[in-house]
Protein backbone atom coordinates (compact mmCIF):
# COMPACT_ATOMS: atom_id res chain seq x y z
CA MET A 1 -6.73 -23.25 17.68
CA ALA A 2 -3.60 -22.61 15.61
CA GLN A 3 -1.68 -25.79 14.96
CA PRO A 4 2.04 -26.48 14.61
CA ASN A 5 3.48 -25.87 11.19
CA GLN A 6 3.30 -28.72 8.69
CA ASN A 7 4.85 -29.15 5.25
CA GLN A 8 3.10 -26.72 2.92
CA GLU A 9 2.50 -26.62 -0.79
CA LYS A 10 4.26 -23.79 -2.56
CA LEU A 11 0.89 -22.25 -3.41
CA VAL A 12 -0.26 -21.73 0.19
CA TRP A 13 -3.66 -20.36 1.14
CA TRP A 14 -2.54 -16.82 1.92
CA LYS A 15 -1.18 -16.40 -1.61
CA GLU A 16 -4.61 -17.12 -3.03
CA ALA A 17 -6.43 -15.01 -0.45
CA THR A 18 -8.04 -11.62 -0.81
CA ALA A 19 -7.47 -9.62 2.39
CA TYR A 20 -9.55 -6.88 3.98
CA GLN A 21 -8.42 -4.44 6.66
CA ILE A 22 -10.82 -3.28 9.37
CA TYR A 23 -10.34 -0.20 11.55
CA PRO A 24 -12.74 -1.37 14.25
CA ARG A 25 -13.50 2.03 15.77
CA SER A 26 -15.01 3.11 12.44
CA PHE A 27 -16.44 -0.12 11.00
CA TYR A 28 -19.82 -0.73 12.65
CA ASP A 29 -21.27 0.29 16.02
CA SER A 30 -23.45 -2.49 17.44
CA ASN A 31 -24.30 -0.95 20.82
CA ALA A 32 -25.12 2.69 20.02
CA ASP A 33 -22.18 4.37 21.74
CA GLY A 34 -20.79 5.97 18.58
CA ILE A 35 -17.80 3.62 18.43
CA GLY A 36 -17.39 0.57 16.22
CA ASP A 37 -16.80 -2.70 18.04
CA ILE A 38 -16.08 -6.41 17.73
CA PRO A 39 -19.75 -7.48 17.77
CA GLY A 40 -20.19 -4.98 14.94
CA ILE A 41 -17.56 -6.82 12.91
CA ILE A 42 -19.35 -10.10 13.59
CA LYS A 43 -22.59 -8.60 12.26
CA LYS A 44 -20.85 -7.72 9.01
CA LEU A 45 -19.05 -11.02 8.39
CA ASP A 46 -21.68 -12.07 5.85
CA TYR A 47 -20.98 -8.88 3.91
CA LEU A 48 -17.28 -9.73 3.84
CA ALA A 49 -17.97 -13.33 2.82
CA ASP A 50 -20.24 -12.16 0.00
CA LEU A 51 -17.52 -9.78 -1.16
CA GLY A 52 -15.17 -12.75 -1.43
CA ILE A 53 -12.83 -11.98 1.46
CA ASP A 54 -10.63 -14.81 2.79
CA LEU A 55 -8.47 -12.93 5.30
CA VAL A 56 -9.33 -10.06 7.65
CA TRP A 57 -6.73 -7.88 9.40
CA ILE A 58 -8.15 -6.00 12.38
CA CYS A 59 -6.43 -2.94 13.82
CA PRO A 60 -5.82 -2.88 17.60
CA PHE A 61 -8.73 -3.52 19.96
CA TYR A 62 -6.55 -4.02 23.07
CA GLN A 63 -6.82 -2.14 26.35
CA SER A 64 -5.43 1.30 25.64
CA PRO A 65 -5.65 4.95 26.72
CA ASN A 66 -6.18 5.67 22.99
CA ASP A 67 -3.55 8.36 22.68
CA ASP A 68 -2.79 6.88 19.25
CA ASN A 69 -6.16 5.20 18.72
CA GLY A 70 -5.16 1.83 20.15
CA TYR A 71 -1.54 1.59 19.01
CA ASP A 72 -0.59 2.57 22.56
CA ILE A 73 -1.34 -0.69 24.38
CA SER A 74 -1.65 -0.87 28.16
CA ASP A 75 -2.58 -4.58 28.27
CA TYR A 76 -1.88 -6.96 25.40
CA GLN A 77 -4.20 -9.61 26.79
CA ALA A 78 -7.26 -7.49 27.50
CA ILE A 79 -9.82 -5.80 25.25
CA HIS A 80 -10.75 -2.15 25.47
CA PRO A 81 -14.37 -1.95 26.72
CA ASP A 82 -15.27 0.24 23.74
CA PHE A 83 -14.73 -2.81 21.53
CA GLY A 84 -16.14 -5.59 23.71
CA CYS A 85 -14.42 -8.37 25.60
CA LEU A 86 -12.32 -11.51 25.07
CA ASP A 87 -15.45 -13.60 24.65
CA ASP A 88 -16.38 -11.36 21.72
CA VAL A 89 -12.97 -11.97 20.15
CA ASP A 90 -13.37 -15.74 20.57
CA ARG A 91 -16.82 -15.56 18.98
CA LEU A 92 -15.46 -13.45 16.12
CA ILE A 93 -12.80 -16.08 15.40
CA ARG A 94 -15.37 -18.90 15.46
CA GLU A 95 -17.88 -17.07 13.26
CA ALA A 96 -15.23 -15.97 10.78
CA HIS A 97 -13.85 -19.50 10.49
CA LYS A 98 -17.36 -20.83 9.83
CA ARG A 99 -17.40 -18.58 6.75
CA GLY A 100 -13.92 -19.58 5.61
CA ILE A 101 -12.42 -16.27 6.74
CA LYS A 102 -9.08 -16.14 8.58
CA ILE A 103 -8.43 -13.47 11.22
CA ILE A 104 -5.14 -11.69 11.86
CA ILE A 105 -4.63 -8.93 14.40
CA ASP A 106 -2.18 -6.11 14.87
CA LEU A 107 0.93 -6.99 16.85
CA VAL A 108 2.42 -3.81 18.32
CA ILE A 109 5.76 -4.73 19.87
CA ASN A 110 8.06 -1.77 19.21
CA HIS A 111 6.44 0.11 22.07
CA THR A 112 3.71 -0.01 24.71
CA SER A 113 1.57 2.63 26.36
CA ASP A 114 3.09 4.55 29.24
CA GLU A 115 0.17 3.11 31.20
CA HIS A 116 1.28 -0.49 30.65
CA PRO A 117 2.25 -2.18 33.96
CA TRP A 118 5.72 -2.86 32.54
CA PHE A 119 6.37 0.85 32.04
CA ILE A 120 4.73 1.87 35.30
CA GLU A 121 7.18 -0.41 37.08
CA SER A 122 10.06 0.74 34.89
CA ARG A 123 9.61 4.41 35.80
CA GLN A 124 9.25 3.87 39.56
CA ASN A 125 12.97 4.30 40.15
CA ARG A 126 16.31 3.82 38.43
CA ASN A 127 16.81 0.48 40.15
CA SER A 128 13.49 -1.01 39.06
CA ALA A 129 13.66 -4.60 37.83
CA LYS A 130 12.04 -3.41 34.61
CA ARG A 131 14.05 -0.22 34.23
CA ASP A 132 15.98 -1.72 31.32
CA TRP A 133 12.79 -2.92 29.61
CA TYR A 134 12.60 0.58 28.11
CA ILE A 135 15.23 3.02 26.85
CA TRP A 136 16.19 5.51 29.56
CA ARG A 137 19.00 8.07 29.33
CA ASP A 138 20.35 11.07 31.19
CA GLY A 139 20.05 14.43 29.53
CA SER A 140 23.01 15.75 27.62
CA GLU A 141 23.63 18.29 30.40
CA ALA A 142 23.12 18.08 34.15
CA ILE A 143 19.46 17.98 35.12
CA THR A 144 18.26 20.47 37.73
CA GLU A 145 14.63 21.15 38.54
CA LYS A 146 13.59 21.23 34.88
CA PRO A 147 14.75 19.30 31.82
CA THR A 148 17.38 21.06 29.77
CA ASN A 149 18.73 19.10 26.84
CA GLU A 150 17.47 15.76 25.58
CA PRO A 151 19.94 12.86 25.26
CA ASN A 152 20.12 13.46 21.49
CA ASN A 153 18.43 15.51 18.78
CA TRP A 154 16.16 12.80 17.38
CA GLU A 155 12.75 13.89 16.15
CA SER A 156 9.73 11.69 16.84
CA ILE A 157 7.95 10.18 13.85
CA PHE A 158 4.93 12.05 15.23
CA HIS A 159 7.00 15.29 15.35
CA GLY A 160 8.65 17.05 18.26
CA SER A 161 11.31 15.45 20.44
CA ALA A 162 11.66 11.66 20.56
CA TRP A 163 12.44 11.99 24.28
CA GLN A 164 10.16 12.62 27.25
CA TYR A 165 11.51 13.85 30.58
CA ASP A 166 10.41 11.99 33.71
CA ALA A 167 10.76 14.19 36.78
CA GLU A 168 10.48 11.34 39.29
CA THR A 169 13.72 9.72 38.16
CA ALA A 170 15.30 12.73 36.39
CA GLN A 171 15.87 10.84 33.13
CA TYR A 172 14.39 10.78 29.67
CA TYR A 173 12.74 7.83 27.93
CA LEU A 174 12.72 7.27 24.19
CA HIS A 175 9.46 7.32 22.22
CA LEU A 176 9.68 7.16 18.44
CA PHE A 177 5.96 7.84 18.21
CA SER A 178 3.77 9.60 20.80
CA SER A 179 5.21 10.58 24.19
CA LYS A 180 2.72 8.08 25.61
CA GLN A 181 4.30 5.28 23.53
CA PRO A 182 7.67 4.49 25.15
CA ASP A 183 9.86 2.21 23.06
CA LEU A 184 10.65 -1.25 24.39
CA ASN A 185 14.30 -2.22 24.70
CA TRP A 186 14.75 -5.16 22.35
CA GLU A 187 18.34 -5.58 23.52
CA ASN A 188 16.94 -6.99 26.79
CA PRO A 189 16.20 -10.76 26.53
CA GLU A 190 13.51 -10.49 29.21
CA VAL A 191 11.53 -8.11 27.01
CA LYS A 192 11.61 -10.52 24.08
CA ALA A 193 10.66 -13.48 26.26
CA ALA A 194 7.62 -11.60 27.61
CA LEU A 195 6.54 -10.56 24.13
CA PHE A 196 6.93 -14.06 22.71
CA SER A 197 4.87 -15.50 25.57
CA MET A 198 2.10 -13.01 24.79
CA ILE A 199 2.23 -13.94 21.10
CA HIS A 200 1.81 -17.63 21.94
CA TRP A 201 -1.16 -16.77 24.17
CA TRP A 202 -2.95 -15.15 21.22
CA LEU A 203 -2.11 -17.92 18.78
CA GLU A 204 -3.44 -20.52 21.18
CA ARG A 205 -6.77 -18.62 21.18
CA GLY A 206 -7.05 -19.48 17.49
CA ILE A 207 -6.11 -16.38 15.54
CA ASP A 208 -4.48 -17.02 12.20
CA GLY A 209 -1.54 -14.63 12.37
CA PHE A 210 -0.45 -11.04 12.73
CA ARG A 211 0.19 -7.82 10.93
CA VAL A 212 3.30 -6.67 12.79
CA ASP A 213 3.36 -2.93 13.43
CA ALA A 214 6.46 -0.71 13.12
CA ILE A 215 8.71 -3.77 13.26
CA SER A 216 11.56 -2.16 11.30
CA HIS A 217 12.10 0.24 14.24
CA ILE A 218 12.94 -2.26 16.99
CA LYS A 219 16.71 -1.87 16.52
CA LYS A 220 18.30 1.48 17.38
CA GLN A 221 21.75 2.74 16.42
CA ALA A 222 24.27 1.81 19.12
CA ASN A 223 24.89 4.57 21.69
CA LEU A 224 21.97 6.61 20.27
CA PRO A 225 24.12 9.37 18.71
CA SER A 226 22.76 12.73 17.57
CA LEU A 227 22.39 13.36 13.85
CA PRO A 228 24.00 16.11 11.80
CA ASN A 229 21.97 19.30 12.11
CA PRO A 230 23.19 21.78 9.47
CA ASN A 231 19.97 23.82 9.63
CA GLY A 232 20.04 24.22 13.40
CA ASP A 233 16.62 22.61 13.84
CA ASN A 234 15.34 21.80 17.30
CA TYR A 235 15.04 18.13 16.33
CA VAL A 236 16.24 16.18 13.30
CA SER A 237 14.46 13.42 11.39
CA SER A 238 16.02 10.32 12.91
CA PHE A 239 14.90 7.42 10.68
CA LYS A 240 18.52 6.69 9.72
CA TYR A 241 19.28 5.66 13.31
CA HIS A 242 16.17 3.62 14.13
CA MET A 243 14.73 2.22 10.91
CA ASN A 244 16.03 -1.08 9.54
CA VAL A 245 19.30 -0.51 11.38
CA LYS A 246 22.10 -3.03 10.82
CA GLY A 247 21.78 -5.89 13.28
CA ILE A 248 17.97 -5.95 13.30
CA GLU A 249 18.14 -9.42 11.74
CA GLU A 250 19.12 -10.98 15.06
CA HIS A 251 15.92 -9.73 16.70
CA LEU A 252 13.79 -10.66 13.71
CA HIS A 253 15.13 -14.21 13.57
CA GLU A 254 14.34 -14.68 17.24
CA LEU A 255 10.82 -13.44 16.59
CA ARG A 256 10.46 -15.92 13.75
CA ASP A 257 12.01 -18.91 15.49
CA LYS A 258 10.64 -18.49 19.00
CA ALA A 259 7.29 -16.83 18.41
CA PHE A 260 6.04 -17.65 14.92
CA SER A 261 7.64 -20.87 13.67
CA PRO A 262 5.85 -23.33 15.99
CA PHE A 263 2.51 -22.29 14.43
CA ASP A 264 0.86 -22.50 11.03
CA ILE A 265 0.06 -18.82 10.62
CA VAL A 266 0.46 -15.92 8.22
CA THR A 267 2.53 -12.88 9.16
CA VAL A 268 2.73 -9.50 7.45
CA GLY A 269 5.41 -7.07 8.58
CA GLU A 270 5.06 -3.30 8.35
CA ALA A 271 8.53 -2.71 6.97
CA ASN A 272 9.18 0.99 6.51
CA GLY A 273 12.69 1.58 5.22
CA VAL A 274 13.17 -1.88 3.70
CA ALA A 275 14.30 -1.62 0.09
CA ALA A 276 13.39 -4.13 -2.60
CA GLU A 277 16.96 -5.34 -2.91
CA ASP A 278 16.97 -6.25 0.80
CA ALA A 279 13.46 -7.65 0.93
CA LEU A 280 14.37 -11.33 0.72
CA THR A 281 15.99 -11.09 4.16
CA TRP A 282 12.48 -10.38 5.36
CA VAL A 283 10.26 -12.58 3.15
CA ALA A 284 12.34 -15.23 1.40
CA GLU A 285 10.61 -18.57 0.99
CA GLU A 286 12.39 -21.54 2.51
CA THR A 287 14.17 -23.85 0.09
CA ALA A 288 16.60 -26.73 0.39
CA THR A 289 19.48 -24.26 0.34
CA ASN A 290 17.91 -21.12 1.80
CA LYS A 291 16.35 -20.45 5.18
CA ALA A 292 13.03 -18.66 5.26
CA GLY A 293 12.70 -14.94 5.85
CA VAL A 294 10.92 -13.63 8.92
CA PHE A 295 7.48 -12.85 7.49
CA ASN A 296 5.28 -14.25 4.75
CA MET A 297 4.78 -10.76 3.33
CA ILE A 298 5.71 -7.19 4.13
CA PHE A 299 4.04 -3.86 3.54
CA GLN A 300 6.68 -1.73 1.83
CA PHE A 301 6.34 2.06 1.84
CA GLU A 302 8.16 3.20 -1.27
CA HIS A 303 5.16 3.88 -3.49
CA MET A 304 3.37 5.65 -0.64
CA ASN A 305 6.40 7.82 0.12
CA LEU A 306 5.73 9.60 -3.15
CA TRP A 307 2.96 11.25 -1.17
CA SER A 308 4.39 11.75 2.33
CA GLU A 309 3.87 15.07 4.09
CA ASP A 310 7.54 15.89 3.39
CA SER A 311 7.31 15.04 -0.30
CA ASN A 312 7.57 17.80 -2.88
CA GLN A 313 5.36 15.76 -5.18
CA SER A 314 2.47 17.93 -6.36
CA SER A 315 0.99 15.56 -8.92
CA PHE A 316 0.95 11.83 -9.49
CA ASN A 317 4.13 10.69 -11.23
CA LEU A 318 3.06 7.44 -12.84
CA VAL A 319 6.48 6.56 -14.23
CA LYS A 320 8.05 6.65 -10.75
CA PHE A 321 5.11 4.67 -9.41
CA LYS A 322 5.64 1.98 -12.06
CA GLN A 323 9.36 1.85 -11.37
CA ILE A 324 8.82 1.24 -7.66
CA LEU A 325 6.15 -1.44 -7.96
CA THR A 326 7.99 -3.19 -10.78
CA ARG A 327 11.19 -3.25 -8.74
CA TRP A 328 9.32 -5.01 -5.93
CA GLN A 329 7.62 -7.43 -8.30
CA ASN A 330 10.94 -8.42 -9.87
CA ALA A 331 12.87 -8.59 -6.60
CA LEU A 332 10.51 -11.17 -5.09
CA GLU A 333 9.71 -13.19 -8.23
CA GLY A 334 9.85 -16.88 -7.37
CA MET A 335 11.56 -16.23 -4.04
CA GLY A 336 9.19 -14.15 -1.91
CA TRP A 337 5.72 -12.66 -1.86
CA ASN A 338 4.29 -9.14 -2.10
CA ALA A 339 1.51 -7.62 -0.03
CA LEU A 340 -0.38 -5.35 -2.45
CA TYR A 341 -2.14 -2.22 -1.24
CA LEU A 342 -3.07 1.38 -2.04
CA GLU A 343 -4.93 2.25 1.16
CA ASN A 344 -4.74 1.62 4.89
CA HIS A 345 -5.51 3.37 8.17
CA ASP A 346 -2.35 5.50 7.86
CA GLN A 347 -3.09 6.91 4.39
CA ALA A 348 -5.53 9.25 2.72
CA ARG A 349 -7.97 7.75 0.24
CA SER A 350 -6.37 6.40 -2.93
CA ILE A 351 -8.74 8.16 -5.35
CA ASN A 352 -7.51 11.52 -4.06
CA THR A 353 -3.90 10.34 -3.95
CA PHE A 354 -3.55 8.51 -7.26
CA GLY A 355 -6.75 9.32 -9.13
CA ASN A 356 -9.32 12.08 -9.48
CA PRO A 357 -12.50 12.38 -7.36
CA ASN A 358 -14.24 13.95 -10.35
CA TYR A 359 -13.89 10.52 -12.01
CA ARG A 360 -14.75 8.59 -8.84
CA TYR A 361 -16.07 5.36 -10.37
CA ALA A 362 -13.48 5.22 -13.12
CA SER A 363 -10.61 6.15 -10.79
CA ALA A 364 -11.64 3.60 -8.18
CA THR A 365 -12.01 0.75 -10.64
CA ALA A 366 -8.89 1.58 -12.67
CA LEU A 367 -6.74 1.77 -9.54
CA ALA A 368 -8.25 -1.46 -8.27
CA THR A 369 -7.51 -3.24 -11.54
CA CYS A 370 -3.98 -1.89 -11.60
CA TYR A 371 -2.79 -3.10 -8.19
CA PHE A 372 -5.14 -6.02 -7.59
CA LEU A 373 -3.90 -8.20 -10.46
CA MET A 374 -0.19 -7.87 -9.72
CA LYS A 375 1.63 -10.81 -8.16
CA GLY A 376 0.97 -10.88 -4.43
CA THR A 377 -1.88 -10.86 -1.93
CA PRO A 378 -4.18 -7.86 -2.44
CA PHE A 379 -5.39 -5.96 0.64
CA ILE A 380 -8.54 -3.85 0.58
CA TYR A 381 -9.01 -1.18 3.24
CA GLN A 382 -12.57 -0.74 4.51
CA GLY A 383 -14.54 1.54 2.21
CA GLN A 384 -12.00 1.29 -0.59
CA GLU A 385 -14.34 -1.18 -2.27
CA LEU A 386 -16.96 1.60 -2.35
CA GLY A 387 -14.67 4.19 -3.89
CA LEU A 388 -14.66 6.41 -0.81
CA VAL A 389 -12.96 9.78 -1.20
CA ASN A 390 -11.35 12.21 1.22
CA PHE A 391 -13.43 14.39 3.50
CA HIS A 392 -12.96 18.15 3.07
CA PHE A 393 -11.85 19.45 6.44
CA THR A 394 -12.55 23.15 6.92
CA SER A 395 -10.85 23.73 10.27
CA LEU A 396 -7.68 22.50 11.98
CA ASP A 397 -9.82 21.76 15.04
CA GLN A 398 -11.52 18.93 13.16
CA PHE A 399 -8.44 16.69 13.05
CA ASP A 400 -8.43 13.86 15.62
CA ASP A 401 -5.17 12.07 14.79
CA ILE A 402 -2.28 12.78 17.17
CA SER A 403 0.19 12.87 14.28
CA ALA A 404 -1.88 15.58 12.60
CA ARG A 405 -2.17 17.58 15.82
CA ASN A 406 1.57 17.41 16.40
CA LEU A 407 2.26 18.41 12.80
CA ILE A 408 -0.06 21.39 13.18
CA ASN A 409 1.95 22.57 16.20
CA LYS A 410 5.26 22.01 14.40
CA LEU A 411 4.23 23.90 11.27
CA LYS A 412 2.70 26.77 13.23
CA HIS A 413 5.99 27.09 15.11
CA GLN A 414 7.71 27.30 11.72
CA GLY A 415 5.43 30.18 10.78
CA LYS A 416 3.19 28.30 8.35
CA SER A 417 -0.31 29.69 7.91
CA ASP A 418 -3.45 27.83 8.94
CA GLN A 419 -4.44 27.79 5.27
CA TYR A 420 -1.19 26.08 4.28
CA ILE A 421 -1.49 23.48 7.04
CA LEU A 422 -5.13 22.79 6.27
CA SER A 423 -4.33 22.29 2.58
CA LEU A 424 -1.53 19.85 3.44
CA LEU A 425 -3.64 17.81 5.87
CA ASN A 426 -6.54 17.70 3.44
CA ARG A 427 -4.09 15.90 1.16
CA VAL A 428 -2.27 13.52 3.54
CA SER A 429 -4.09 13.22 6.89
CA ARG A 430 -4.76 9.76 8.28
CA ASP A 431 -8.17 10.96 9.48
CA HIS A 432 -9.54 10.64 5.92
CA SER A 433 -9.44 6.86 6.10
CA ARG A 434 -10.72 6.70 9.68
CA LEU A 435 -14.14 8.21 9.11
CA PRO A 436 -17.08 5.84 9.71
CA MET A 437 -17.94 3.19 7.14
CA PRO A 438 -21.16 4.18 5.30
CA TRP A 439 -23.51 1.20 5.29
CA ASN A 440 -26.65 2.93 4.00
CA SER A 441 -28.21 6.35 3.42
CA GLU A 442 -29.71 6.59 6.91
CA GLU A 443 -28.42 8.99 9.54
CA ASN A 444 -24.65 8.63 10.15
CA GLY A 445 -24.49 6.33 7.15
CA GLY A 446 -25.97 3.48 9.19
CA PHE A 447 -22.70 3.24 11.13
CA SER A 448 -24.37 4.21 14.41
CA THR A 449 -27.70 5.46 15.70
CA VAL A 450 -25.89 8.13 17.75
CA THR A 451 -23.27 10.74 16.92
CA PRO A 452 -20.05 8.88 15.98
CA TRP A 453 -16.69 9.43 17.65
CA ILE A 454 -15.47 11.29 14.54
CA THR A 455 -17.32 13.16 11.84
CA VAL A 456 -19.14 11.32 9.06
CA ASN A 457 -18.44 12.18 5.45
CA PRO A 458 -21.72 13.76 4.26
CA ASN A 459 -21.51 11.95 0.92
CA TYR A 460 -22.78 8.78 2.67
CA GLU A 461 -26.24 9.54 1.28
CA ARG A 462 -25.04 8.60 -2.21
CA ILE A 463 -21.92 6.49 -1.51
CA ASN A 464 -22.76 3.55 0.73
CA VAL A 465 -22.86 -0.24 0.84
CA SER A 466 -26.61 -0.64 0.44
CA GLU A 467 -26.79 1.50 -2.70
CA GLN A 468 -23.84 -0.27 -4.32
CA LEU A 469 -25.06 -3.76 -3.51
CA ASN A 470 -28.17 -2.92 -5.53
CA ASN A 471 -26.28 -1.24 -8.36
CA GLN A 472 -24.59 -3.59 -10.82
CA ASN A 473 -22.51 -0.69 -12.16
CA SER A 474 -21.02 0.24 -8.78
CA VAL A 475 -17.45 0.21 -7.53
CA LEU A 476 -18.41 -2.54 -5.07
CA GLN A 477 -19.69 -4.81 -7.82
CA PHE A 478 -16.51 -4.22 -9.81
CA TYR A 479 -14.40 -5.26 -6.82
CA LYS A 480 -16.47 -8.42 -6.52
CA GLN A 481 -15.71 -9.20 -10.17
CA LEU A 482 -11.98 -8.63 -9.62
CA ILE A 483 -11.95 -10.88 -6.57
CA GLU A 484 -13.85 -13.63 -8.38
CA LEU A 485 -11.59 -13.33 -11.44
CA ARG A 486 -8.52 -13.89 -9.29
CA LYS A 487 -10.15 -16.85 -7.52
CA GLN A 488 -11.02 -18.51 -10.84
CA HIS A 489 -7.62 -18.19 -12.48
CA LYS A 490 -4.49 -19.52 -10.79
CA SER A 491 -2.47 -17.84 -13.53
CA LEU A 492 -3.33 -14.50 -11.91
CA ILE A 493 -1.69 -15.79 -8.75
CA ILE A 494 1.38 -17.60 -10.05
CA GLY A 495 1.96 -15.86 -13.40
CA ARG A 496 5.15 -13.84 -13.74
CA TYR A 497 4.78 -10.04 -13.82
CA LYS A 498 6.13 -8.24 -16.90
CA LEU A 499 5.95 -4.45 -17.26
CA ILE A 500 5.16 -2.98 -20.67
CA LEU A 501 5.10 0.68 -21.75
CA ALA A 502 7.49 1.51 -18.92
CA ASP A 503 7.92 5.18 -19.88
CA ASP A 504 4.31 5.99 -20.73
CA PRO A 505 3.28 8.88 -18.41
CA ASN A 506 -0.43 7.99 -18.50
CA VAL A 507 -0.81 4.23 -18.93
CA TYR A 508 0.19 1.49 -16.50
CA ALA A 509 0.27 -1.72 -18.52
CA TYR A 510 1.72 -5.06 -17.53
CA GLN A 511 1.31 -8.74 -18.22
CA ARG A 512 0.96 -11.83 -16.05
CA VAL A 513 2.57 -14.68 -17.94
CA SER A 514 2.02 -18.36 -17.10
CA ASP A 515 2.45 -21.60 -19.01
CA ASP A 516 -1.12 -21.70 -20.31
CA CYS A 517 -2.01 -18.04 -20.86
CA THR A 518 -0.96 -14.41 -20.78
CA TRP A 519 -2.98 -11.70 -19.13
CA THR A 520 -2.56 -8.10 -20.23
CA ILE A 521 -3.73 -5.46 -17.78
CA ILE A 522 -4.04 -1.94 -19.14
CA THR A 523 -5.05 1.02 -16.99
CA ASN A 524 -5.08 4.65 -18.03
CA LEU A 525 -4.38 6.47 -14.76
CA SER A 526 -4.96 9.94 -16.13
CA ASP A 527 -8.01 12.11 -16.75
CA ASN A 528 -7.29 12.29 -20.48
CA VAL A 529 -7.89 9.79 -23.25
CA ALA A 530 -4.57 8.00 -23.76
CA LYS A 531 -3.11 6.23 -26.78
CA VAL A 532 -1.95 2.70 -25.89
CA ASN A 533 1.06 1.96 -28.09
CA ILE A 534 0.86 -1.82 -28.36
CA ASP A 535 -0.58 -4.24 -30.89
CA CYS A 536 -4.18 -4.27 -29.70
CA SER A 537 -5.15 -7.08 -32.07
CA ALA A 538 -2.89 -9.57 -30.22
CA LEU A 539 -4.38 -9.05 -26.78
CA GLY A 540 -6.88 -11.90 -26.88
CA ASP A 541 -10.25 -11.83 -25.17
CA LEU A 542 -11.35 -8.83 -23.12
CA ILE A 543 -12.37 -10.42 -19.83
CA LEU A 544 -13.13 -7.34 -17.75
CA ASP A 545 -13.27 -3.59 -18.26
CA ASN A 546 -14.76 -0.58 -16.50
CA GLN A 547 -16.19 1.07 -19.60
CA THR A 548 -19.17 -1.02 -20.66
CA LYS A 549 -20.97 -4.20 -19.68
CA ASN A 550 -20.54 -5.43 -23.26
CA ASN A 551 -16.96 -6.64 -23.46
CA GLU A 552 -17.14 -7.30 -27.21
CA ILE A 553 -18.10 -3.69 -27.92
CA ALA A 554 -15.36 -2.42 -25.63
CA LYS A 555 -12.84 -4.79 -27.23
CA THR A 556 -13.80 -3.72 -30.75
CA ASN A 557 -13.57 -0.03 -29.85
CA PHE A 558 -10.21 -0.51 -28.18
CA GLU A 559 -8.72 -2.52 -31.04
CA LYS A 560 -9.91 -0.01 -33.64
CA THR A 561 -8.57 3.07 -31.93
CA GLY A 562 -5.95 1.94 -29.40
CA LEU A 563 -7.39 4.61 -27.14
CA ALA A 564 -8.03 4.13 -23.43
CA SER A 565 -10.67 6.31 -21.85
CA ALA A 566 -9.83 8.51 -18.87
CA TYR A 567 -9.19 6.08 -16.01
CA GLY A 568 -10.10 3.24 -18.30
CA ALA A 569 -9.25 -0.31 -17.21
CA TYR A 570 -8.99 -3.35 -19.50
CA VAL A 571 -8.09 -6.95 -18.67
CA PHE A 572 -7.28 -9.19 -21.64
CA MET A 573 -6.38 -12.88 -21.72
CA THR A 574 -4.62 -14.85 -24.46
CA LYS A 575 -4.51 -18.63 -24.18
CA HIS A 576 -1.30 -20.33 -25.30
């Protein structure tokens, strides 16, 4: 059971941890129904412990109609039968704790499902006691038998209108995501009280914290005005009026003080729209003169926005990437903490995004080295440690994700060809990361003995856990070395980050500087040999690289030439 907060050392456990994200539907199917489940996670805890994982974040397993694969919750305190039951969750917590692994779960409190009892009561009539628990508005013109004009021109994050007409009460409700995900009204104190009570219920079951979904969207612009629409679009991207809106701090501080603070937990906020210069409001560490931020860490989106579906980016711009990550490293130095990641359930695979699948091993290990040894807590998304790559979809009918399906409809309406849409989704679709985890070379990658809920990437026969556990030159084994390296050296946790070669278009190089040593991390994130313009003779010992198992040979070659192989990764240490 989670315990009340006590005085903590500055170097708290979650700073030293290596975290692993599980998308339970696709992790491991224990009961042959084609769907991953909680008992399946329990069966794989030894794998996670052997990998070196200290913290596991599990995506939603709550009761849900699964319009958005579990992020549309109809009962916060019940488990969807596909995943198991509450007893399974309790057993998962116990078994994970036996292995020294903490468990955090997704906390989805911007919205519920339209099948949640709160919303069912809210939509019964305009005088319902829970009517104001959600955001209801009249249309912008008089409503007759059919809806005419929505209350404003906001576009849903999942495309289309952000408003859904309800014929029973002749009003619209706001949904920033799917139409089956009505937004909660955080201006209503009753809503917050109910959410905080639910949070306490979970913490008292013994979980170790939360990853807090879409939390930067809980505050909406007052009066919900329409946005400028110079192009005459049906709906206009509305992030400006519902993402990190001024005044959100009041809600966040209540969440911290009334829901989180009584417990010794770790919290990670999904903070789309939060800039580095504002980040300390969210994650500042408490000092004698400064009150703590709301969360221990946040997932920022800036480096991933280089690759959003609306981005014009056609190739990886390493200089911009370095600028963004360095800005975050510097902004939080000594005052806050970064959550480090390149993959999650909302992104395509990082090798395809930042690397090159034709250099799968080198890309995977270079990218891992690059982000993993920065200052912060590194998160691994399931299968990332195997170097999984995107699936090649050949038909628009293959996409399962509601966001992808809505985007298909939007782009078709705009006159885009199926070929164009397919090419875009093969680059950015969330479905890439949601395909089943390949455990071995058996049918369905050992994920299930029956046909899985979504297609399996056919490369499971050569890219799977079993093969890589037995291959000392695999991506998995390299990740294990990285994790162990970070565990052995506190300087890789507390050392200050210092960017070098800031303008180099191919090489990401930085140092981690502490009192007793300096680490120099050099990664060539291009598919060409790159000249590294630093004094190679002053780098110290080569501790880890992805080129050869003989570090001395690799060090000698590197010092002689100053050349980094395509997607080469080198970790040097100099003792002071």
